[in-house]
Amino acid sequence: MRPRPGGLLRRITAGADTVTVEVRDRSTAPPLLKPWARGEPSGFGWPLVNQLASTDVRTHHDGKTVTATLTTAPTGRP
């Protein structure tokens, strides 16, 4: 995941069956799931992350922290 401008990669951790990436930025606005638009150079990252990983968004007084955890266990998603 690439944080928004002003964002910071906080942590990457690996467990036996998981990899977790945590990023933080100064915006309190949540990431948007929007349809992919042909010819647009951006906007597909957050939907892709949500397809591959479980996600959590926590807002706080000075921005938000987004966590994505990828697991080797089957997700039940196509």
PDB file of N, CA and C in Angstrom:
ATOM      1  N   MET A   1       0.842  -1.169   0.000  1.00  0.00           N
ATOM      2  CA  MET A   1       0.000   0.000   0.000  1.00  0.00           C
ATOM      3  C   MET A   1       0.885   1.228   0.000  1.00  0.00           C
ATOM      4  N   ARG A   2       0.508   2.187  -0.795  1.00  0.00           N
ATOM      5  CA  ARG A   2       1.235   3.453  -0.801  1.00  0.00           C
ATOM      6  C   ARG A   2       0.392   4.457  -0.044  1.00  0.00           C
ATOM      7  N   PRO A   3       0.935   5.039   1.001  1.00  0.00           N
ATOM      8  CA  PRO A   3       0.157   6.034   1.737  1.00  0.00           C
ATOM      9  C   PRO A   3      -0.097   7.273   0.896  1.00  0.00           C
ATOM     10  N   ARG A   4      -1.096   8.023   1.288  1.00  0.00           N
ATOM     11  CA  ARG A   4      -1.391   9.293   0.634  1.00  0.00           C
ATOM     12  C   ARG A   4      -0.213  10.243   0.813  1.00  0.00           C
ATOM     13  N   PRO A   5      -0.196  11.337   0.060  1.00  0.00           N
ATOM     14  CA  PRO A   5       0.865  12.321   0.287  1.00  0.00           C
ATOM     15  C   PRO A   5       0.908  12.708   1.764  1.00  0.00           C
ATOM     16  N   GLY A   6       2.092  12.764   2.321  1.00  0.00           N
ATOM     17  CA  GLY A   6       2.238  13.049   3.739  1.00  0.00           C
ATOM     18  C   GLY A   6       2.100  11.802   4.597  1.00  0.00           C
ATOM     19  N   GLY A   7       1.910  10.650   3.939  1.00  0.00           N
ATOM     20  CA  GLY A   7       1.722   9.405   4.664  1.00  0.00           C
ATOM     21  C   GLY A   7       3.034   8.769   5.056  1.00  0.00           C
ATOM     22  N   LEU A   8       2.924   7.766   5.897  1.00  0.00           N
ATOM     23  CA  LEU A   8       4.110   7.122   6.429  1.00  0.00           C
ATOM     24  C   LEU A   8       3.853   5.627   6.567  1.00  0.00           C
ATOM     25  N   LEU A   9       4.756   4.818   6.032  1.00  0.00           N
ATOM     26  CA  LEU A   9       4.711   3.385   6.263  1.00  0.00           C
ATOM     27  C   LEU A   9       5.164   3.165   7.694  1.00  0.00           C
ATOM     28  N   ARG A  10       4.273   2.652   8.523  1.00  0.00           N
ATOM     29  CA  ARG A  10       4.592   2.512   9.939  1.00  0.00           C
ATOM     30  C   ARG A  10       5.231   1.186  10.271  1.00  0.00           C
ATOM     31  N   ARG A  11       4.697   0.110   9.682  1.00  0.00           N
ATOM     32  CA  ARG A  11       5.175  -1.190  10.120  1.00  0.00           C
ATOM     33  C   ARG A  11       4.799  -2.267   9.107  1.00  0.00           C
ATOM     34  N   ILE A  12       5.691  -3.226   8.947  1.00  0.00           N
ATOM     35  CA  ILE A  12       5.405  -4.468   8.224  1.00  0.00           C
ATOM     36  C   ILE A  12       5.804  -5.590   9.162  1.00  0.00           C
ATOM     37  N   THR A  13       4.868  -6.504   9.404  1.00  0.00           N
ATOM     38  CA  THR A  13       5.168  -7.646  10.262  1.00  0.00           C
ATOM     39  C   THR A  13       4.779  -8.923   9.543  1.00  0.00           C
ATOM     40  N   ALA A  14       5.518  -9.990   9.817  1.00  0.00           N
ATOM     41  CA  ALA A  14       5.232 -11.293   9.211  1.00  0.00           C
ATOM     42  C   ALA A  14       5.078 -12.314  10.319  1.00  0.00           C
ATOM     43  N   GLY A  15       4.037 -13.105  10.219  1.00  0.00           N
ATOM     44  CA  GLY A  15       3.816 -14.216  11.129  1.00  0.00           C
ATOM     45  C   GLY A  15       3.917 -15.514  10.357  1.00  0.00           C
ATOM     46  N   ALA A  16       3.557 -16.604  11.010  1.00  0.00           N
ATOM     47  CA  ALA A  16       3.628 -17.911  10.354  1.00  0.00           C
ATOM     48  C   ALA A  16       2.723 -17.968   9.117  1.00  0.00           C
ATOM     49  N   ASP A  17       1.540 -17.356   9.202  1.00  0.00           N
ATOM     50  CA  ASP A  17       0.570 -17.427   8.103  1.00  0.00           C
ATOM     51  C   ASP A  17       0.090 -16.064   7.639  1.00  0.00           C
ATOM     52  N   THR A  18       0.711 -14.972   8.089  1.00  0.00           N
ATOM     53  CA  THR A  18       0.225 -13.642   7.754  1.00  0.00           C
ATOM     54  C   THR A  18       1.364 -12.667   7.467  1.00  0.00           C
ATOM     55  N   VAL A  19       1.016 -11.649   6.703  1.00  0.00           N
ATOM     56  CA  VAL A  19       1.858 -10.467   6.535  1.00  0.00           C
ATOM     57  C   VAL A  19       0.933  -9.272   6.766  1.00  0.00           C
ATOM     58  N   THR A  20       1.352  -8.369   7.639  1.00  0.00           N
ATOM     59  CA  THR A  20       0.547  -7.196   7.961  1.00  0.00           C
ATOM     60  C   THR A  20       1.326  -5.933   7.631  1.00  0.00           C
ATOM     61  N   VAL A  21       0.648  -5.017   6.931  1.00  0.00           N
ATOM     62  CA  VAL A  21       1.233  -3.726   6.565  1.00  0.00           C
ATOM     63  C   VAL A  21       0.370  -2.643   7.202  1.00  0.00           C
ATOM     64  N   GLU A  22       1.028  -1.683   7.844  1.00  0.00           N
ATOM     65  CA  GLU A  22       0.318  -0.585   8.498  1.00  0.00           C
ATOM     66  C   GLU A  22       0.868   0.736   7.969  1.00  0.00           C
ATOM     67  N   VAL A  23      -0.034   1.593   7.492  1.00  0.00           N
ATOM     68  CA  VAL A  23       0.347   2.916   7.012  1.00  0.00           C
ATOM     69  C   VAL A  23      -0.494   3.964   7.726  1.00  0.00           C
ATOM     70  N   ARG A  24       0.046   5.155   7.784  1.00  0.00           N
ATOM     71  CA  ARG A  24      -0.646   6.241   8.465  1.00  0.00           C
ATOM     72  C   ARG A  24      -0.528   7.498   7.618  1.00  0.00           C
ATOM     73  N   ASP A  25      -1.584   8.323   7.626  1.00  0.00           N
ATOM     74  CA  ASP A  25      -1.489   9.635   6.989  1.00  0.00           C
ATOM     75  C   ASP A  25      -2.267  10.655   7.804  1.00  0.00           C
ATOM     76  N   ARG A  26      -2.183  11.890   7.384  1.00  0.00           N
ATOM     77  CA  ARG A  26      -2.769  12.986   8.160  1.00  0.00           C
ATOM     78  C   ARG A  26      -4.225  13.282   7.818  1.00  0.00           C
ATOM     79  N   SER A  27      -4.790  12.568   6.869  1.00  0.00           N
ATOM     80  CA  SER A  27      -6.198  12.768   6.504  1.00  0.00           C
ATOM     81  C   SER A  27      -7.087  11.861   7.346  1.00  0.00           C
ATOM     82  N   THR A  28      -8.224  12.391   7.794  1.00  0.00           N
ATOM     83  CA  THR A  28      -9.196  11.550   8.512  1.00  0.00           C
ATOM     84  C   THR A  28     -10.214  10.937   7.556  1.00  0.00           C
ATOM     85  N   ALA A  29     -10.145  11.301   6.276  1.00  0.00           N
ATOM     86  CA  ALA A  29     -11.073  10.743   5.283  1.00  0.00           C
ATOM     87  C   ALA A  29     -10.725   9.277   5.035  1.00  0.00           C
ATOM     88  N   PRO A  30     -11.728   8.395   5.052  1.00  0.00           N
ATOM     89  CA  PRO A  30     -11.444   6.972   4.808  1.00  0.00           C
ATOM     90  C   PRO A  30     -11.072   6.723   3.353  1.00  0.00           C
ATOM     91  N   PRO A  31     -10.341   5.635   3.088  1.00  0.00           N
ATOM     92  CA  PRO A  31     -10.067   5.259   1.699  1.00  0.00           C
ATOM     93  C   PRO A  31     -11.392   4.959   0.988  1.00  0.00           C
ATOM     94  N   LEU A  32     -11.441   5.247  -0.289  1.00  0.00           N
ATOM     95  CA  LEU A  32     -12.673   5.046  -1.057  1.00  0.00           C
ATOM     96  C   LEU A  32     -12.566   3.824  -1.955  1.00  0.00           C
ATOM     97  N   LEU A  33     -13.606   3.002  -1.917  1.00  0.00           N
ATOM     98  CA  LEU A  33     -13.736   1.908  -2.884  1.00  0.00           C
ATOM     99  C   LEU A  33     -14.503   2.469  -4.063  1.00  0.00           C
ATOM    100  N   LYS A  34     -13.812   2.669  -5.167  1.00  0.00           N
ATOM    101  CA  LYS A  34     -14.490   3.186  -6.352  1.00  0.00           C
ATOM    102  C   LYS A  34     -14.202   2.264  -7.520  1.00  0.00           C
ATOM    103  N   PRO A  35     -15.114   2.206  -8.467  1.00  0.00           N
ATOM    104  CA  PRO A  35     -14.900   1.327  -9.616  1.00  0.00           C
ATOM    105  C   PRO A  35     -13.683   1.749 -10.424  1.00  0.00           C
ATOM    106  N   TRP A  36     -13.028   0.762 -10.992  1.00  0.00           N
ATOM    107  CA  TRP A  36     -11.884   1.015 -11.849  1.00  0.00           C
ATOM    108  C   TRP A  36     -12.367   1.744 -13.099  1.00  0.00           C
ATOM    109  N   ALA A  37     -11.607   2.754 -13.516  1.00  0.00           N
ATOM    110  CA  ALA A  37     -11.953   3.516 -14.718  1.00  0.00           C
ATOM    111  C   ALA A  37     -10.833   3.357 -15.737  1.00  0.00           C
ATOM    112  N   ARG A  38     -11.168   2.807 -16.887  1.00  0.00           N
ATOM    113  CA  ARG A  38     -10.190   2.622 -17.956  1.00  0.00           C
ATOM    114  C   ARG A  38      -9.533   3.956 -18.292  1.00  0.00           C
ATOM    115  N   GLY A  39      -8.231   3.927 -18.422  1.00  0.00           N
ATOM    116  CA  GLY A  39      -7.500   5.132 -18.771  1.00  0.00           C
ATOM    117  C   GLY A  39      -7.075   5.973 -17.578  1.00  0.00           C
ATOM    118  N   GLU A  40      -7.576   5.667 -16.397  1.00  0.00           N
ATOM    119  CA  GLU A  40      -7.166   6.400 -15.198  1.00  0.00           C
ATOM    120  C   GLU A  40      -5.916   5.743 -14.621  1.00  0.00           C
ATOM    121  N   PRO A  41      -4.897   6.527 -14.293  1.00  0.00           N
ATOM    122  CA  PRO A  41      -3.647   5.939 -13.808  1.00  0.00           C
ATOM    123  C   PRO A  41      -3.669   5.557 -12.334  1.00  0.00           C
ATOM    124  N   SER A  42      -4.757   5.827 -11.643  1.00  0.00           N
ATOM    125  CA  SER A  42      -4.813   5.511 -10.216  1.00  0.00           C
ATOM    126  C   SER A  42      -6.228   5.104  -9.838  1.00  0.00           C
ATOM    127  N   GLY A  43      -6.397   4.761  -8.553  1.00  0.00           N
ATOM    128  CA  GLY A  43      -7.730   4.433  -8.069  1.00  0.00           C
ATOM    129  C   GLY A  43      -7.994   2.948  -7.938  1.00  0.00           C
ATOM    130  N   PHE A  44      -7.040   2.103  -8.307  1.00  0.00           N
ATOM    131  CA  PHE A  44      -7.273   0.667  -8.245  1.00  0.00           C
ATOM    132  C   PHE A  44      -6.594   0.006  -7.046  1.00  0.00           C
ATOM    133  N   GLY A  45      -5.766   0.721  -6.323  1.00  0.00           N
ATOM    134  CA  GLY A  45      -5.006   0.129  -5.216  1.00  0.00           C
ATOM    135  C   GLY A  45      -5.861  -0.339  -4.054  1.00  0.00           C
ATOM    136  N   TRP A  46      -6.749   0.533  -3.558  1.00  0.00           N
ATOM    137  CA  TRP A  46      -7.563   0.163  -2.400  1.00  0.00           C
ATOM    138  C   TRP A  46      -8.507  -1.001  -2.709  1.00  0.00           C
ATOM    139  N   PRO A  47      -9.193  -1.033  -3.849  1.00  0.00           N
ATOM    140  CA  PRO A  47      -9.997  -2.211  -4.170  1.00  0.00           C
ATOM    141  C   PRO A  47      -9.158  -3.489  -4.241  1.00  0.00           C
ATOM    142  N   LEU A  48      -7.957  -3.400  -4.794  1.00  0.00           N
ATOM    143  CA  LEU A  48      -7.080  -4.570  -4.879  1.00  0.00           C
ATOM    144  C   LEU A  48      -6.673  -5.045  -3.485  1.00  0.00           C
ATOM    145  N   VAL A  49      -6.289  -4.120  -2.625  1.00  0.00           N
ATOM    146  CA  VAL A  49      -5.927  -4.485  -1.252  1.00  0.00           C
ATOM    147  C   VAL A  49      -7.098  -5.182  -0.567  1.00  0.00           C
ATOM    148  N   ASN A  50      -8.324  -4.668  -0.765  1.00  0.00           N
ATOM    149  CA  ASN A  50      -9.499  -5.274  -0.131  1.00  0.00           C
ATOM    150  C   ASN A  50      -9.827  -6.649  -0.685  1.00  0.00           C
ATOM    151  N   GLN A  51      -9.466  -6.916  -1.928  1.00  0.00           N
ATOM    152  CA  GLN A  51      -9.677  -8.249  -2.497  1.00  0.00           C
ATOM    153  C   GLN A  51      -8.690  -9.262  -1.942  1.00  0.00           C
ATOM    154  N   LEU A  52      -7.485  -8.814  -1.633  1.00  0.00           N
ATOM    155  CA  LEU A  52      -6.421  -9.731  -1.228  1.00  0.00           C
ATOM    156  C   LEU A  52      -6.237  -9.850   0.282  1.00  0.00           C
ATOM    157  N   ALA A  53      -6.678  -8.861   1.042  1.00  0.00           N
ATOM    158  CA  ALA A  53      -6.361  -8.826   2.472  1.00  0.00           C
ATOM    159  C   ALA A  53      -7.566  -8.375   3.282  1.00  0.00           C
ATOM    160  N   SER A  54      -7.518  -8.652   4.577  1.00  0.00           N
ATOM    161  CA  SER A  54      -8.494  -8.048   5.476  1.00  0.00           C
ATOM    162  C   SER A  54      -7.944  -6.679   5.863  1.00  0.00           C
ATOM    163  N   THR A  55      -8.829  -5.704   6.000  1.00  0.00           N
ATOM    164  CA  THR A  55      -8.379  -4.337   6.246  1.00  0.00           C
ATOM    165  C   THR A  55      -9.085  -3.743   7.456  1.00  0.00           C
ATOM    166  N   ASP A  56      -8.431  -2.743   8.031  1.00  0.00           N
ATOM    167  CA  ASP A  56      -8.986  -2.013   9.163  1.00  0.00           C
ATOM    168  C   ASP A  56      -8.542  -0.563   9.019  1.00  0.00           C
ATOM    169  N   VAL A  57      -9.463   0.367   9.248  1.00  0.00           N
ATOM    170  CA  VAL A  57      -9.152   1.790   9.196  1.00  0.00           C
ATOM    171  C   VAL A  57      -9.521   2.395  10.541  1.00  0.00           C
ATOM    172  N   ARG A  58      -8.547   3.014  11.178  1.00  0.00           N
ATOM    173  CA  ARG A  58      -8.783   3.672  12.468  1.00  0.00           C
ATOM    174  C   ARG A  58      -8.453   5.152  12.329  1.00  0.00           C
ATOM    175  N   THR A  59      -9.430   6.009  12.643  1.00  0.00           N
ATOM    176  CA  THR A  59      -9.172   7.446  12.621  1.00  0.00           C
ATOM    177  C   THR A  59      -8.779   7.901  14.021  1.00  0.00           C
ATOM    178  N   HIS A  60      -7.964   8.940  14.065  1.00  0.00           N
ATOM    179  CA  HIS A  60      -7.542   9.528  15.326  1.00  0.00           C
ATOM    180  C   HIS A  60      -7.418  11.033  15.127  1.00  0.00           C
ATOM    181  N   HIS A  61      -7.114  11.760  16.158  1.00  0.00           N
ATOM    182  CA  HIS A  61      -7.153  13.229  16.103  1.00  0.00           C
ATOM    183  C   HIS A  61      -6.247  13.832  15.033  1.00  0.00           C
ATOM    184  N   ASP A  62      -5.190  13.137  14.642  1.00  0.00           N
ATOM    185  CA  ASP A  62      -4.278  13.706  13.652  1.00  0.00           C
ATOM    186  C   ASP A  62      -4.187  12.897  12.364  1.00  0.00           C
ATOM    187  N   GLY A  63      -5.232  12.146  12.045  1.00  0.00           N
ATOM    188  CA  GLY A  63      -5.255  11.405  10.781  1.00  0.00           C
ATOM    189  C   GLY A  63      -5.880  10.041  10.911  1.00  0.00           C
ATOM    190  N   LYS A  64      -5.301   9.073  10.199  1.00  0.00           N
ATOM    191  CA  LYS A  64      -5.830   7.703  10.238  1.00  0.00           C
ATOM    192  C   LYS A  64      -4.695   6.707  10.089  1.00  0.00           C
ATOM    193  N   THR A  65      -4.965   5.486  10.530  1.00  0.00           N
ATOM    194  CA  THR A  65      -4.050   4.366  10.348  1.00  0.00           C
ATOM    195  C   THR A  65      -4.815   3.286   9.600  1.00  0.00           C
ATOM    196  N   VAL A  66      -4.235   2.799   8.521  1.00  0.00           N
ATOM    197  CA  VAL A  66      -4.836   1.741   7.718  1.00  0.00           C
ATOM    198  C   VAL A  66      -3.964   0.499   7.858  1.00  0.00           C
ATOM    199  N   THR A  67      -4.608  -0.623   8.199  1.00  0.00           N
ATOM    200  CA  THR A  67      -3.898  -1.885   8.361  1.00  0.00           C
ATOM    201  C   THR A  67      -4.474  -2.893   7.379  1.00  0.00           C
ATOM    202  N   ALA A  68      -3.598  -3.608   6.682  1.00  0.00           N
ATOM    203  CA  ALA A  68      -4.001  -4.681   5.769  1.00  0.00           C
ATOM    204  C   ALA A  68      -3.238  -5.946   6.171  1.00  0.00           C
ATOM    205  N   THR A  69      -3.992  -7.038   6.338  1.00  0.00           N
ATOM    206  CA  THR A  69      -3.381  -8.313   6.718  1.00  0.00           C
ATOM    207  C   THR A  69      -3.686  -9.347   5.644  1.00  0.00           C
ATOM    208  N   LEU A  70      -2.628  -9.867   5.060  1.00  0.00           N
ATOM    209  CA  LEU A  70      -2.725 -10.911   4.042  1.00  0.00           C
ATOM    210  C   LEU A  70      -2.445 -12.233   4.725  1.00  0.00           C
ATOM    211  N   THR A  71      -3.305 -13.203   4.505  1.00  0.00           N
ATOM    212  CA  THR A  71      -3.149 -14.499   5.129  1.00  0.00           C
ATOM    213  C   THR A  71      -3.034 -15.601   4.074  1.00  0.00           C
ATOM    214  N   THR A  72      -2.389 -16.692   4.444  1.00  0.00           N
ATOM    215  CA  THR A  72      -2.286 -17.816   3.512  1.00  0.00           C
ATOM    216  C   THR A  72      -3.523 -18.700   3.585  1.00  0.00           C
ATOM    217  N   ALA A  73      -4.383 -18.448   4.566  1.00  0.00           N
ATOM    218  CA  ALA A  73      -5.603 -19.236   4.696  1.00  0.00           C
ATOM    219  C   ALA A  73      -6.601 -18.844   3.599  1.00  0.00           C
ATOM    220  N   PRO A  74      -7.409 -19.798   3.142  1.00  0.00           N
ATOM    221  CA  PRO A  74      -8.427 -19.458   2.132  1.00  0.00           C
ATOM    222  C   PRO A  74      -9.380 -18.405   2.676  1.00  0.00           C
ATOM    223  N   THR A  75      -9.753 -17.438   1.824  1.00  0.00           N
ATOM    224  CA  THR A  75     -10.635 -16.369   2.259  1.00  0.00           C
ATOM    225  C   THR A  75     -12.102 -16.624   1.898  1.00  0.00           C
ATOM    226  N   GLY A  76     -12.344 -17.562   0.986  1.00  0.00           N
ATOM    227  CA  GLY A  76     -13.701 -17.781   0.522  1.00  0.00           C
ATOM    228  C   GLY A  76     -14.095 -16.821  -0.588  1.00  0.00           C
ATOM    229  N   ARG A  77     -13.186 -15.930  -0.961  1.00  0.00           N
ATOM    230  CA  ARG A  77     -13.463 -14.981  -2.045  1.00  0.00           C
ATOM    231  C   ARG A  77     -13.012 -15.583  -3.362  1.00  0.00           C
ATOM    232  N   PRO A  78     -13.730 -15.268  -4.440  1.00  0.00           N
ATOM    233  CA  PRO A  78     -13.325 -15.787  -5.758  1.00  0.00           C
ATOM    234  C   PRO A  78     -12.032 -15.183  -6.241  1.00  0.00           C
TER     235      PRO A  78
END
